[in-house]
Amino acid sequence: MPAKSRFTRLDAFTKTVEDARIRTTSGGVVTIASLLIVLYLVWGEWADYRRVVVNPELIVDKGRGEKMEIHLNVTFPRIPCELLTLDIMDVSGEQQTGVKHGINKIQLSPRSQGSLPISQSSLALHSEADAATHLDPSYCGNCYGAPAPETASKPGCCQTCEEVREAYAGVSWAFGRGENVEQCEREHYSEKLDQEREQGCRIEGGFRVNKVIGNFHIAPGRSFSNGQMHVHDLNNYLDSPIEGGHTFTHEIHQLRFGPQLPDGLSGTIGNAGWTSHHLNPLDDTRQDTDDPAFNYMYFVKVVSTSYLPLGWDTKQSPGNRKRDAYLGADSELIPLGLHGRSEDGSVETHQYSVTSHKRSLSGGSDSAEGHKERLHARGGIPGVFVSYVSSSPSTSSSELVFFMYLRSHSYVTGYFTHESHQPGVSS
C-alpha cells in the first residue's frame, strides 16, 4: 500500500467531490457577511493590542529608612515673606528650622494691586549692601549677650542685623523690631519691614523628609526651642501697624508628595481612575480669615505609589525596587526633584488623602460654623500646619498590553470551519 494511503483513513475532515457542491446566492451573501464580521473582530483585537492598560496592584511597602520629597506652592496674600518661616520635624527627632534650601519666597504686591510678583531685586530685606563689607576690618559687632552664630562672617562677632537675629534664635530669645541694636538701626531693618507690611508672599519649592510620621508648618517669626516646646517669635507678626493686621489667609496652588507624573499619562491613567486630583486633593484649596490668631491644620495620609511603564526593568520586584541605585545608597546625593524617578521611565511617587481642621487660638465654641457643641482649645501658634503619616500598604500600577494572536487565529479558523460545513454555502 502506498505511504500516502496509510493516512487517508485518519482524515477527520472528509470532503465531498466538486460535482456534489452547490453554490447559491444566499451562500455568497452569508460568506461576505461572515467575512466582514471576522474582519471587524480582528480589527477590535488589533485595537486592544495597541491599547495600553494600567493594572493596579496593592502590595506591602517594605522600605526602611527611605526619604520622600514634598513640593508645595502656597500663596499668603496678607503676610510678607520676611515674617514667614518654614519648619520641619518628625518622630525620629530630626528638625529643620527656617528651611531655605530648595525654597523660594516670592514677594507679592498688596492685594489692592492684584498680589502680583515683585522683581527679584527687591526681595531681600538684608541686601548685599548691608553685608558690613564697608566696615572697619577691626570692627566686631556686639551680639548683645548671645553667643555669635556659627555662620557669622567674622568668628565671635555679629556684623549684621541678620547675624544678631540668628544669635538670639540660638538661645531662644525673642528679637522684635531690632530697636537699640546697632546693626539693625544701621541697616534700617524696622523701616524696611514696615514698608513690606501690606505685601503678600508666595512660597514655592521642595524639600526632602524622612518617610516617617512628621509635620511641616509655615508660621510667623523665627522659630526656636524653649525647653521641650517649639515656639516662634510672634512680636513682629502680632504688633502690626496696618489695619486688620496680618492673617493666614492662604491658597494652596499645589501640594504633592513625590515627583509629578508625566503629563502624557493623564489619558492612560484616567482609565484606572487615577487623576491629578486623586493624587493631590489639596490643590487649589483656599482658606480665608480675618483673625490674626488663627490656625489651619491638614492631616495627610500618604500612600506610596509606583507607576511602571512598558519596558521597565522587570528584574526588580515592585516591593523592593531602589529607583536611585545608580547614585548609590545615599539618597542625599540625588538632586532635589529627581528623587523617585528612574532611567527606565518608572516613577515612585505618593498619593494622599487629607482631613482639614481650623480653629481660632482664642478658643471657644464653633458656633460661627454652625457647631455650637464643638469647643476649641485655647492657645497655639498661628499658621498652616501639615501633619503626614506614611501607610504600610502601597499601590503599584503597571502598563500592560493584550495579546491578539491566539484569539485572532481562532476567529479566522472558526470562520472557514463553519463555512465549510454549511449546506449550500461555498467554502
Protein backbone atom coordinates (compact mmCIF):
# COMPACT_ATOMS: atom_id res chain seq x y z
CA MET A 1 0.00 0.00 0.00
CA PRO A 2 1.44 3.42 -0.90
CA ALA A 3 2.60 5.57 2.00
CA LYS A 4 0.01 8.23 1.23
CA SER A 5 -2.97 5.90 1.61
CA ARG A 6 -1.97 4.86 5.08
CA PHE A 7 -3.08 8.27 6.41
CA THR A 8 -6.24 8.51 4.34
CA ARG A 9 -8.27 6.65 6.94
CA LEU A 10 -7.09 9.11 9.59
CA ASP A 11 -8.53 12.18 7.76
CA ALA A 12 -11.07 13.79 10.15
CA PHE A 13 -12.03 16.44 7.59
CA THR A 14 -13.65 14.43 4.83
CA LYS A 15 -14.55 16.37 1.71
CA THR A 16 -17.15 15.95 -0.97
CA VAL A 17 -16.28 15.92 -4.59
CA GLU A 18 -16.54 19.16 -6.52
CA ASP A 19 -19.58 17.94 -8.50
CA ALA A 20 -21.55 17.45 -5.27
CA ARG A 21 -21.11 21.05 -4.15
CA ILE A 22 -23.83 23.58 -4.81
CA ARG A 23 -23.06 27.35 -4.85
CA THR A 24 -26.04 29.61 -4.12
CA THR A 25 -26.64 33.37 -3.95
CA SER A 26 -27.66 33.20 -0.27
CA GLY A 27 -24.47 31.30 0.50
CA GLY A 28 -22.40 34.06 -1.08
CA VAL A 29 -24.20 36.71 0.96
CA VAL A 30 -23.59 34.77 4.17
CA THR A 31 -19.93 34.29 3.22
CA ILE A 32 -19.40 38.01 2.69
CA ALA A 33 -21.27 38.90 5.90
CA SER A 34 -19.25 36.38 7.88
CA LEU A 35 -16.01 37.67 6.41
CA LEU A 36 -16.91 41.25 7.40
CA ILE A 37 -17.69 40.12 10.93
CA VAL A 38 -14.35 38.32 11.17
CA LEU A 39 -12.51 41.41 9.89
CA TYR A 40 -14.33 43.55 12.46
CA LEU A 41 -13.38 41.17 15.29
CA VAL A 42 -9.76 41.06 14.14
CA TRP A 43 -9.67 44.87 13.96
CA GLY A 44 -11.04 45.02 17.52
CA GLU A 45 -8.31 42.65 18.67
CA TRP A 46 -5.71 44.85 16.98
CA ALA A 47 -7.11 47.93 18.75
CA ASP A 48 -6.94 46.10 22.10
CA TYR A 49 -3.41 45.00 21.30
CA ARG A 50 -2.32 48.60 20.74
CA ARG A 51 -4.16 49.91 23.82
CA VAL A 52 -2.08 50.29 26.99
CA VAL A 53 -3.97 49.31 30.13
CA VAL A 54 -2.94 50.26 33.68
CA ASN A 55 -3.11 47.29 36.01
CA PRO A 56 -3.33 48.35 39.70
CA GLU A 57 -1.94 46.17 42.50
CA LEU A 58 -1.91 46.51 46.28
CA ILE A 59 1.40 45.49 47.87
CA VAL A 60 3.14 45.93 51.21
CA ASP A 61 5.69 48.73 51.39
CA LYS A 62 8.82 47.04 52.77
CA GLY A 63 11.09 50.06 52.50
CA ARG A 64 13.01 51.23 55.57
CA GLY A 65 14.97 54.41 56.16
CA GLU A 66 13.69 55.98 52.97
CA LYS A 67 13.20 59.62 52.04
CA MET A 68 10.43 61.37 50.19
CA GLU A 69 10.14 64.79 48.64
CA ILE A 70 7.41 67.31 49.34
CA HIS A 71 6.70 70.02 46.79
CA LEU A 72 4.48 72.98 47.56
CA ASN A 73 3.27 76.22 46.07
CA VAL A 74 1.27 78.34 48.54
CA THR A 75 0.25 81.99 48.44
CA PHE A 76 -0.23 84.13 51.56
CA PRO A 77 -1.70 87.46 50.38
CA ARG A 78 -1.81 89.11 53.83
CA ILE A 79 1.62 88.49 55.31
CA PRO A 80 5.07 89.48 53.98
CA CYS A 81 7.82 86.98 53.26
CA GLU A 82 10.05 88.39 56.00
CA LEU A 83 7.64 87.12 58.66
CA LEU A 84 7.18 83.58 57.31
CA THR A 85 9.25 80.60 58.45
CA LEU A 86 9.10 77.01 57.22
CA ASP A 87 9.97 74.33 59.80
CA ILE A 88 10.03 70.53 59.51
CA MET A 89 10.10 67.92 62.27
CA ASP A 90 9.35 64.22 62.65
CA VAL A 91 9.09 61.49 65.26
CA SER A 92 12.70 60.42 64.70
CA GLY A 93 13.78 63.66 66.39
CA GLU A 94 15.07 65.34 63.23
CA GLN A 95 14.24 69.05 62.97
CA GLN A 96 14.81 71.51 60.14
CA THR A 97 14.12 75.08 61.18
CA GLY A 98 13.99 78.07 58.89
CA VAL A 99 14.26 75.90 55.78
CA LYS A 100 15.70 77.84 52.84
CA HIS A 101 17.39 75.26 50.62
CA GLY A 102 15.12 74.43 47.70
CA ILE A 103 12.54 77.01 48.79
CA ASN A 104 11.80 80.31 47.03
CA LYS A 105 9.95 83.15 48.71
CA ILE A 106 8.38 85.47 46.16
CA GLN A 107 7.08 88.77 47.45
CA LEU A 108 3.70 89.85 46.14
CA SER A 109 2.28 93.32 45.78
CA PRO A 110 -0.58 94.34 48.13
CA ARG A 111 -3.99 92.82 47.45
CA SER A 112 -5.26 96.19 46.29
CA GLN A 113 -2.69 95.95 43.48
CA GLY A 114 -3.54 92.41 42.48
CA SER A 115 -0.98 90.43 44.54
CA LEU A 116 1.42 90.34 41.61
CA PRO A 117 5.05 89.13 41.94
CA ILE A 118 7.64 91.82 42.68
CA SER A 119 11.01 91.82 40.95
CA GLN A 120 13.68 89.61 42.50
CA SER A 121 15.91 92.60 43.22
CA SER A 122 13.51 93.83 45.89
CA LEU A 123 13.02 90.52 47.68
CA ALA A 124 15.84 90.60 50.22
CA LEU A 125 15.33 92.61 53.37
CA HIS A 126 19.05 92.15 54.01
CA SER A 127 20.71 93.13 50.74
CA GLU A 128 24.36 92.77 49.83
CA ALA A 129 24.81 96.47 50.57
CA ASP A 130 24.07 95.67 54.22
CA ALA A 131 26.69 92.91 54.43
CA ALA A 132 29.05 95.03 56.56
CA THR A 133 31.82 94.80 53.97
CA HIS A 134 32.32 98.57 54.25
CA LEU A 135 33.05 98.42 58.00
CA ASP A 136 36.45 98.80 59.54
CA PRO A 137 38.33 95.45 59.36
CA SER A 138 38.85 95.59 63.12
CA TYR A 139 35.11 96.06 63.80
CA CYS A 140 33.45 93.32 65.83
CA GLY A 141 29.71 93.71 66.23
CA ASN A 142 28.06 93.15 69.57
CA CYS A 143 25.79 90.10 69.86
CA TYR A 144 24.02 91.65 72.89
CA GLY A 145 24.53 88.82 75.34
CA ALA A 146 24.00 85.95 72.93
CA PRO A 147 26.82 83.77 71.56
CA ALA A 148 27.76 84.53 67.96
CA PRO A 149 26.22 82.13 65.41
CA GLU A 150 28.42 79.53 63.76
CA THR A 151 27.64 81.05 60.36
CA ALA A 152 28.92 84.52 61.37
CA SER A 153 31.09 86.20 58.74
CA LYS A 154 33.60 87.02 61.47
CA PRO A 155 34.02 84.42 64.22
CA GLY A 156 32.79 85.59 67.60
CA CYS A 157 31.09 88.70 66.17
CA CYS A 158 27.68 89.76 64.87
CA GLN A 159 28.43 92.02 61.92
CA THR A 160 24.87 92.35 60.55
CA CYS A 161 21.33 92.51 61.82
CA GLU A 162 20.69 89.05 60.41
CA GLU A 163 23.53 87.61 62.46
CA VAL A 164 22.16 89.23 65.61
CA ARG A 165 18.78 87.63 64.88
CA GLU A 166 20.42 84.25 64.40
CA ALA A 167 22.29 84.68 67.67
CA TYR A 168 19.05 85.46 69.51
CA ALA A 169 17.29 82.46 67.94
CA GLY A 170 20.20 80.24 69.02
CA VAL A 171 19.47 80.98 72.69
CA SER A 172 15.66 81.09 72.29
CA TRP A 173 15.31 84.84 72.74
CA ALA A 174 12.66 86.95 71.08
CA PHE A 175 14.09 89.63 68.82
CA GLY A 176 11.32 92.05 67.88
CA ARG A 177 11.98 95.01 65.58
CA GLY A 178 15.64 95.41 66.48
CA GLU A 179 15.34 98.65 68.42
CA ASN A 180 18.59 99.75 70.05
CA VAL A 181 20.51 97.16 68.04
CA GLU A 182 23.30 98.97 66.27
CA GLN A 183 23.44 96.66 63.24
CA CYS A 184 19.67 96.78 62.66
CA GLU A 185 19.48 100.56 63.02
CA ARG A 186 22.35 100.91 60.57
CA GLU A 187 20.53 98.71 58.04
CA HIS A 188 17.11 100.36 58.73
CA TYR A 189 15.61 96.96 59.45
CA SER A 190 12.40 98.18 61.08
CA GLU A 191 11.77 100.78 58.36
CA LYS A 192 12.15 98.21 55.59
CA LEU A 193 9.91 95.79 57.45
CA ASP A 194 7.16 98.41 57.74
CA GLN A 195 7.42 99.10 54.01
CA GLU A 196 6.60 95.45 53.31
CA ARG A 197 3.73 95.13 55.78
CA GLU A 198 0.97 95.21 53.16
CA GLN A 199 2.71 92.82 50.81
CA GLY A 200 1.98 89.14 50.39
CA CYS A 201 4.20 86.15 49.83
CA ARG A 202 4.25 83.01 47.73
CA ILE A 203 6.31 80.08 48.95
CA GLU A 204 7.24 77.52 46.33
CA GLY A 205 9.79 74.75 46.00
CA GLY A 206 10.54 71.39 47.53
CA PHE A 207 12.33 69.70 50.40
CA ARG A 208 13.19 66.16 51.47
CA VAL A 209 11.96 64.46 54.64
CA ASN A 210 12.22 61.08 56.32
CA LYS A 211 9.45 58.69 55.35
CA VAL A 212 8.05 58.57 58.87
CA ILE A 213 5.37 60.39 60.85
CA GLY A 214 6.12 64.11 60.84
CA ASN A 215 4.86 67.57 60.06
CA PHE A 216 5.90 70.78 58.41
CA HIS A 217 4.41 74.15 59.10
CA ILE A 218 4.56 77.72 57.87
CA ALA A 219 4.30 80.09 60.80
CA PRO A 220 5.30 83.68 61.60
CA GLY A 221 8.62 84.72 63.10
CA ARG A 222 11.87 82.92 63.84
CA SER A 223 11.48 79.52 65.47
CA PHE A 224 13.45 78.15 68.39
CA SER A 225 13.16 75.54 71.11
CA ASN A 226 12.27 76.53 74.63
CA GLY A 227 12.74 73.51 76.81
CA GLN A 228 10.62 70.79 75.20
CA MET A 229 8.49 73.28 73.29
CA HIS A 230 8.82 74.53 69.73
CA VAL A 231 7.92 78.23 69.70
CA HIS A 232 8.01 81.18 67.33
CA ASP A 233 8.82 84.83 67.89
CA LEU A 234 5.42 86.41 67.18
CA ASN A 235 6.25 90.02 68.14
CA ASN A 236 6.54 91.40 64.60
CA TYR A 237 3.52 89.41 63.45
CA LEU A 238 1.07 90.46 66.15
CA ASP A 239 2.41 94.02 66.54
CA SER A 240 1.38 95.14 63.07
CA PRO A 241 0.75 98.81 62.19
CA ILE A 242 -1.60 98.01 59.28
CA GLU A 243 -5.37 97.93 59.73
CA GLY A 244 -6.65 94.42 60.37
CA GLY A 245 -3.16 93.06 60.94
CA HIS A 246 -1.66 90.05 59.25
CA THR A 247 -3.65 86.86 58.78
CA PHE A 248 -3.02 83.39 57.42
CA THR A 249 -5.46 83.60 54.55
CA HIS A 250 -3.86 81.28 52.02
CA GLU A 251 -4.31 79.44 48.75
CA ILE A 252 -2.62 76.10 48.12
CA HIS A 253 -1.89 76.01 44.41
CA GLN A 254 -0.13 72.66 44.67
CA LEU A 255 0.95 70.26 47.38
CA ARG A 256 2.33 66.90 46.31
CA PHE A 257 4.42 64.16 47.87
CA GLY A 258 6.95 62.80 45.41
CA PRO A 259 7.56 63.56 41.74
CA GLN A 260 4.86 64.68 39.34
CA LEU A 261 3.71 62.11 36.81
CA PRO A 262 4.41 62.94 33.15
CA ASP A 263 1.66 64.98 31.52
CA GLY A 264 1.19 62.43 28.74
CA LEU A 265 -0.06 59.81 31.20
CA SER A 266 -3.31 61.57 32.10
CA GLY A 267 -5.36 59.74 29.46
CA THR A 268 -3.87 56.34 30.24
CA ILE A 269 -4.16 56.70 33.99
CA GLY A 270 -7.65 58.11 33.65
CA ASN A 271 -8.80 54.62 32.61
CA ALA A 272 -7.85 53.44 36.08
CA GLY A 273 -9.49 56.41 37.80
CA TRP A 274 -6.09 57.94 38.62
CA THR A 275 -6.10 61.68 38.03
CA SER A 276 -4.07 64.60 39.35
CA HIS A 277 -6.91 65.46 41.75
CA HIS A 278 -6.79 61.97 43.23
CA LEU A 279 -3.04 62.33 43.67
CA ASN A 280 -3.12 65.85 45.15
CA PRO A 281 -6.53 66.60 46.70
CA LEU A 282 -5.29 69.83 48.34
CA ASP A 283 -4.51 71.51 45.02
CA ASP A 284 -6.43 74.78 44.52
CA THR A 285 -7.58 74.89 48.15
CA ARG A 286 -8.30 78.38 49.53
CA GLN A 287 -8.91 79.44 53.14
CA ASP A 288 -9.85 82.96 54.27
CA THR A 289 -9.81 84.53 57.72
CA ASP A 290 -9.70 88.00 59.27
CA ASP A 291 -8.42 86.69 62.61
CA PRO A 292 -4.63 87.06 63.06
CA ALA A 293 -4.66 84.33 65.71
CA PHE A 294 -5.94 81.53 63.52
CA ASN A 295 -4.60 78.05 62.92
CA TYR A 296 -5.08 75.71 59.94
CA MET A 297 -4.21 72.03 60.20
CA TYR A 298 -4.18 69.42 57.45
CA PHE A 299 -3.85 65.76 58.43
CA VAL A 300 -2.46 63.80 55.49
CA LYS A 301 -2.36 60.03 54.97
CA VAL A 302 0.35 59.24 52.40
CA VAL A 303 0.31 56.07 50.27
CA SER A 304 3.37 55.08 48.25
CA THR A 305 2.51 54.67 44.58
CA SER A 306 4.58 53.14 41.80
CA TYR A 307 3.98 53.73 38.11
CA LEU A 308 5.65 51.15 35.85
CA PRO A 309 5.55 51.93 32.12
CA LEU A 310 6.06 49.44 29.30
CA GLY A 311 9.67 48.39 29.15
CA TRP A 312 10.51 48.99 32.82
CA ASP A 313 13.11 46.77 34.45
CA THR A 314 11.17 43.60 35.23
CA LYS A 315 14.13 42.12 37.10
CA GLN A 316 13.24 44.26 40.09
CA SER A 317 10.14 43.43 42.13
CA PRO A 318 7.71 46.31 42.79
CA GLY A 319 8.05 45.90 46.58
CA ASN A 320 11.84 46.09 46.75
CA ARG A 321 12.98 48.33 43.87
CA LYS A 322 15.53 51.05 44.55
CA ARG A 323 14.88 53.66 41.96
CA ASP A 324 18.04 55.56 42.74
CA ALA A 325 20.55 52.73 42.77
CA TYR A 326 22.61 54.44 40.09
CA LEU A 327 23.54 57.09 42.67
CA GLY A 328 24.32 54.68 45.47
CA ALA A 329 22.63 54.14 48.81
CA ASP A 330 22.85 57.77 49.94
CA SER A 331 19.64 59.44 48.73
CA GLU A 332 21.05 62.84 49.72
CA LEU A 333 23.23 62.66 46.61
CA ILE A 334 20.15 62.77 44.40
CA PRO A 335 19.36 66.30 43.19
CA LEU A 336 16.14 67.75 44.57
CA GLY A 337 13.34 67.00 42.13
CA LEU A 338 14.81 63.74 40.76
CA HIS A 339 14.10 61.54 43.78
CA GLY A 340 11.76 58.69 42.77
CA ARG A 341 12.48 58.81 39.04
CA SER A 342 14.31 56.07 37.16
CA GLU A 343 16.03 55.89 33.81
CA ASP A 344 13.56 53.26 32.59
CA GLY A 345 10.68 55.75 32.94
CA SER A 346 9.18 54.30 36.13
CA VAL A 347 8.12 56.71 38.86
CA GLU A 348 7.93 56.25 42.62
CA THR A 349 5.52 58.88 43.94
CA HIS A 350 2.76 59.16 46.56
CA GLN A 351 -0.95 59.67 46.70
CA TYR A 352 -2.62 61.06 49.80
CA SER A 353 -5.93 61.66 51.48
CA VAL A 354 -6.48 64.63 53.75
CA THR A 355 -8.64 65.80 56.63
CA SER A 356 -8.59 69.51 57.49
CA HIS A 357 -9.26 71.38 60.71
CA LYS A 358 -9.20 75.05 61.59
CA ARG A 359 -9.65 76.98 64.80
CA SER A 360 -9.14 80.31 66.48
CA LEU A 361 -6.37 80.40 69.04
CA SER A 362 -8.72 82.33 71.31
CA GLY A 363 -10.66 79.10 71.87
CA GLY A 364 -14.39 78.93 72.44
CA SER A 365 -17.23 77.28 70.55
CA ASP A 366 -17.51 76.75 66.81
CA SER A 367 -20.88 78.45 66.57
CA ALA A 368 -19.77 80.52 63.57
CA GLU A 369 -19.52 77.27 61.59
CA GLY A 370 -22.87 76.04 62.90
CA HIS A 371 -21.47 73.72 65.58
CA LYS A 372 -22.21 75.24 68.99
CA GLU A 373 -21.46 71.94 70.72
CA ARG A 374 -17.86 71.94 69.44
CA LEU A 375 -15.32 73.63 71.71
CA HIS A 376 -11.81 74.62 70.66
CA ALA A 377 -8.77 74.64 72.90
CA ARG A 378 -7.09 77.93 73.70
CA GLY A 379 -3.52 78.76 72.69
CA GLY A 380 -1.13 77.62 69.99
CA ILE A 381 0.75 79.16 67.08
CA PRO A 382 -0.97 80.81 64.12
CA GLY A 383 -0.04 79.34 60.79
CA VAL A 384 -0.58 76.45 58.38
CA PHE A 385 0.37 73.01 59.70
CA VAL A 386 0.54 69.81 57.63
CA SER A 387 0.89 66.54 59.55
CA TYR A 388 1.70 63.50 57.43
CA VAL A 389 1.92 59.77 58.07
CA SER A 390 3.01 57.08 55.62
CA SER A 391 0.86 53.93 55.43
CA SER A 392 2.22 50.40 55.05
CA PRO A 393 0.16 49.34 52.03
CA SER A 394 1.33 50.78 48.74
CA THR A 395 -0.07 50.66 45.23
CA SER A 396 1.65 49.68 42.02
CA SER A 397 0.19 50.50 38.60
CA SER A 398 1.88 48.85 35.63
CA GLU A 399 1.20 49.23 31.94
CA LEU A 400 0.10 46.06 30.12
CA VAL A 401 -0.84 45.16 26.54
CA PHE A 402 -3.15 42.39 25.36
CA PHE A 403 -2.01 39.56 23.06
CA MET A 404 -4.09 39.23 19.92
CA TYR A 405 -2.56 36.31 18.05
CA LEU A 406 -4.44 33.36 19.57
CA ARG A 407 -7.91 34.90 19.51
CA SER A 408 -7.44 36.35 16.02
CA HIS A 409 -6.35 32.93 14.78
CA SER A 410 -9.46 31.36 16.33
CA TYR A 411 -11.70 33.85 14.53
CA VAL A 412 -10.23 33.05 11.11
CA THR A 413 -10.08 29.27 11.50
CA GLY A 414 -13.54 29.20 13.03
CA TYR A 415 -14.87 31.10 10.06
CA PHE A 416 -13.54 28.65 7.50
CA THR A 417 -14.58 25.60 9.53
CA HIS A 418 -18.08 26.97 9.96
CA GLU A 419 -18.45 27.88 6.31
CA SER A 420 -17.21 24.50 5.09
CA HIS A 421 -19.95 22.68 7.00
CA GLN A 422 -22.88 24.87 5.96
CA PRO A 423 -25.03 23.27 3.28
CA GLY A 424 -25.33 25.31 0.13
CA VAL A 425 -22.54 27.66 1.16
CA SER A 426 -19.16 27.90 -0.54
CA SER A 427 -16.10 27.08 1.45
